[in-house]
Amino acid sequence: QVQLVESGGGLVQPGESLRLSCAASQSIFSFYPMGWYRQRPGAQRELVARITSQGMTTYDDSVKGRFTISRDNAKYTVYLQMNSLKPEDTAVYYCNLERGPITYWGQGTQVTVSS
């Protein structure tokens, strides 16, 4: 069983930055893709960014140029650097690990962008 623990959420003003972290409990972390998803109020969970074990990244169009996903395999941690935050980025952010047919999720961290 892989455990994922997110941190780094909070309340910020529009235009500010946050960095989310997601720490995995096992060394298998380095072999699998990781993703950041978000769930906005009243909406379904959606993919924000994804990174493969080799470091290839993909982003939702709404965050391209503002968000950066990265991973540190030595620390079993994936990050989401969020710059130029907008009110519409307000959501609960979740990380996941894709291990073949099994997907593991963290508990989520709240990000609120408001003036």
Protein backbone atom coordinates (compact mmCIF):
# COMPACT_ATOMS: atom_id res chain seq x y z
CA GLN A 1 0.00 0.00 0.00
CA VAL A 2 1.42 3.36 -1.06
CA GLN A 3 0.58 6.39 1.05
CA LEU A 4 0.69 9.88 -0.40
CA VAL A 5 0.68 13.00 1.77
CA GLU A 6 0.15 16.44 0.24
CA SER A 7 1.17 19.71 1.84
CA GLY A 8 1.65 23.34 0.95
CA GLY A 9 -1.89 24.54 0.35
CA GLY A 10 -3.26 27.75 1.77
CA LEU A 11 -4.90 31.09 1.15
CA VAL A 12 -3.18 33.48 -1.24
CA GLN A 13 -4.08 36.56 -3.21
CA PRO A 14 -4.38 36.60 -7.01
CA GLY A 15 -0.98 36.76 -8.67
CA GLU A 16 0.84 35.09 -5.80
CA SER A 17 2.55 31.70 -5.75
CA LEU A 18 2.37 28.44 -3.85
CA ARG A 19 4.35 25.22 -3.99
CA LEU A 20 2.58 21.97 -3.25
CA SER A 21 4.45 18.86 -2.18
CA CYS A 22 3.40 15.24 -2.23
CA ALA A 23 5.50 12.72 -0.34
CA ALA A 24 5.20 9.00 -1.05
CA SER A 25 5.79 6.29 1.51
CA GLN A 26 7.70 3.86 -0.66
CA SER A 27 10.73 3.83 -2.90
CA ILE A 28 8.64 2.42 -5.76
CA PHE A 29 7.67 6.07 -6.26
CA SER A 30 10.54 6.54 -8.68
CA PHE A 31 9.24 3.94 -11.15
CA TYR A 32 5.78 5.34 -11.80
CA PRO A 33 4.04 8.41 -13.21
CA MET A 34 2.73 10.97 -10.75
CA GLY A 35 -0.01 13.49 -11.24
CA TRP A 36 -1.63 16.50 -9.67
CA TYR A 37 -5.39 16.80 -9.94
CA ARG A 38 -7.80 19.36 -8.57
CA GLN A 39 -11.45 19.43 -7.72
CA ARG A 40 -13.13 22.80 -7.82
CA PRO A 41 -16.40 23.39 -5.97
CA GLY A 42 -19.27 21.70 -7.77
CA ALA A 43 -16.99 20.17 -10.39
CA GLN A 44 -15.38 16.85 -11.12
CA ARG A 45 -11.76 16.11 -10.38
CA GLU A 46 -9.54 17.14 -13.28
CA LEU A 47 -5.94 16.58 -14.27
CA VAL A 48 -3.69 19.58 -13.76
CA ALA A 49 -0.25 18.16 -14.51
CA ARG A 50 1.47 14.83 -14.88
CA ILE A 51 5.08 13.67 -14.84
CA THR A 52 6.44 10.32 -15.96
CA SER A 53 9.18 8.38 -14.20
CA GLN A 54 11.58 9.78 -16.84
CA GLY A 55 10.50 13.34 -16.16
CA MET A 56 8.28 13.99 -19.16
CA THR A 57 5.52 16.46 -18.29
CA THR A 58 2.06 17.34 -19.51
CA TYR A 59 -0.23 20.15 -18.39
CA ASP A 60 -3.81 21.19 -18.69
CA ASP A 61 -4.12 24.20 -20.98
CA SER A 62 -5.48 26.32 -18.14
CA VAL A 63 -2.20 26.12 -16.20
CA LYS A 64 0.42 26.01 -18.98
CA GLY A 65 3.07 28.63 -18.41
CA ARG A 66 2.01 29.16 -14.79
CA PHE A 67 2.40 25.77 -13.11
CA THR A 68 5.42 23.46 -13.09
CA ILE A 69 5.44 19.85 -11.97
CA SER A 70 8.68 18.24 -10.88
CA ARG A 71 9.86 15.24 -8.91
CA ASP A 72 12.72 14.34 -6.61
CA ASN A 73 13.06 10.57 -6.70
CA ALA A 74 15.61 10.57 -3.89
CA LYS A 75 13.03 12.18 -1.60
CA TYR A 76 10.01 10.27 -2.98
CA THR A 77 8.38 13.64 -3.55
CA VAL A 78 6.55 15.36 -6.38
CA TYR A 79 6.03 19.12 -6.45
CA LEU A 80 3.65 21.53 -8.10
CA GLN A 81 4.95 25.08 -8.35
CA MET A 82 2.00 27.37 -8.95
CA ASN A 83 2.68 30.94 -10.07
CA SER A 84 0.36 33.76 -11.08
CA LEU A 85 -2.50 32.14 -9.24
CA LYS A 86 -6.04 33.07 -10.21
CA PRO A 87 -9.31 32.81 -8.29
CA GLU A 88 -10.36 30.01 -10.65
CA ASP A 89 -7.42 27.94 -9.38
CA THR A 90 -9.26 27.61 -6.06
CA ALA A 91 -9.73 23.90 -5.44
CA VAL A 92 -8.68 20.92 -3.43
CA TYR A 93 -5.49 19.59 -5.00
CA TYR A 94 -4.70 15.87 -4.97
CA CYS A 95 -1.63 13.98 -6.03
CA ASN A 96 -1.74 10.48 -7.39
CA LEU A 97 0.56 7.63 -8.32
CA GLU A 98 -0.30 5.35 -11.21
CA ARG A 99 0.95 1.82 -10.56
CA GLY A 100 -0.34 -0.12 -13.52
CA PRO A 101 -4.11 -0.66 -13.02
CA ILE A 102 -3.95 0.73 -9.49
CA THR A 103 -4.08 4.42 -8.69
CA TYR A 104 -3.21 5.76 -5.26
CA TRP A 105 -4.48 9.14 -4.03
CA GLY A 106 -3.49 11.53 -1.32
CA GLN A 107 -5.96 13.17 1.04
CA GLY A 108 -5.86 16.53 -0.74
CA THR A 109 -4.78 20.03 0.19
CA GLN A 110 -6.94 23.14 -0.12
CA VAL A 111 -5.77 26.04 -2.26
CA THR A 112 -7.80 29.23 -2.06
CA VAL A 113 -7.02 32.24 -4.24
CA SER A 114 -8.92 35.29 -3.11
CA SER A 115 -8.42 38.97 -2.53
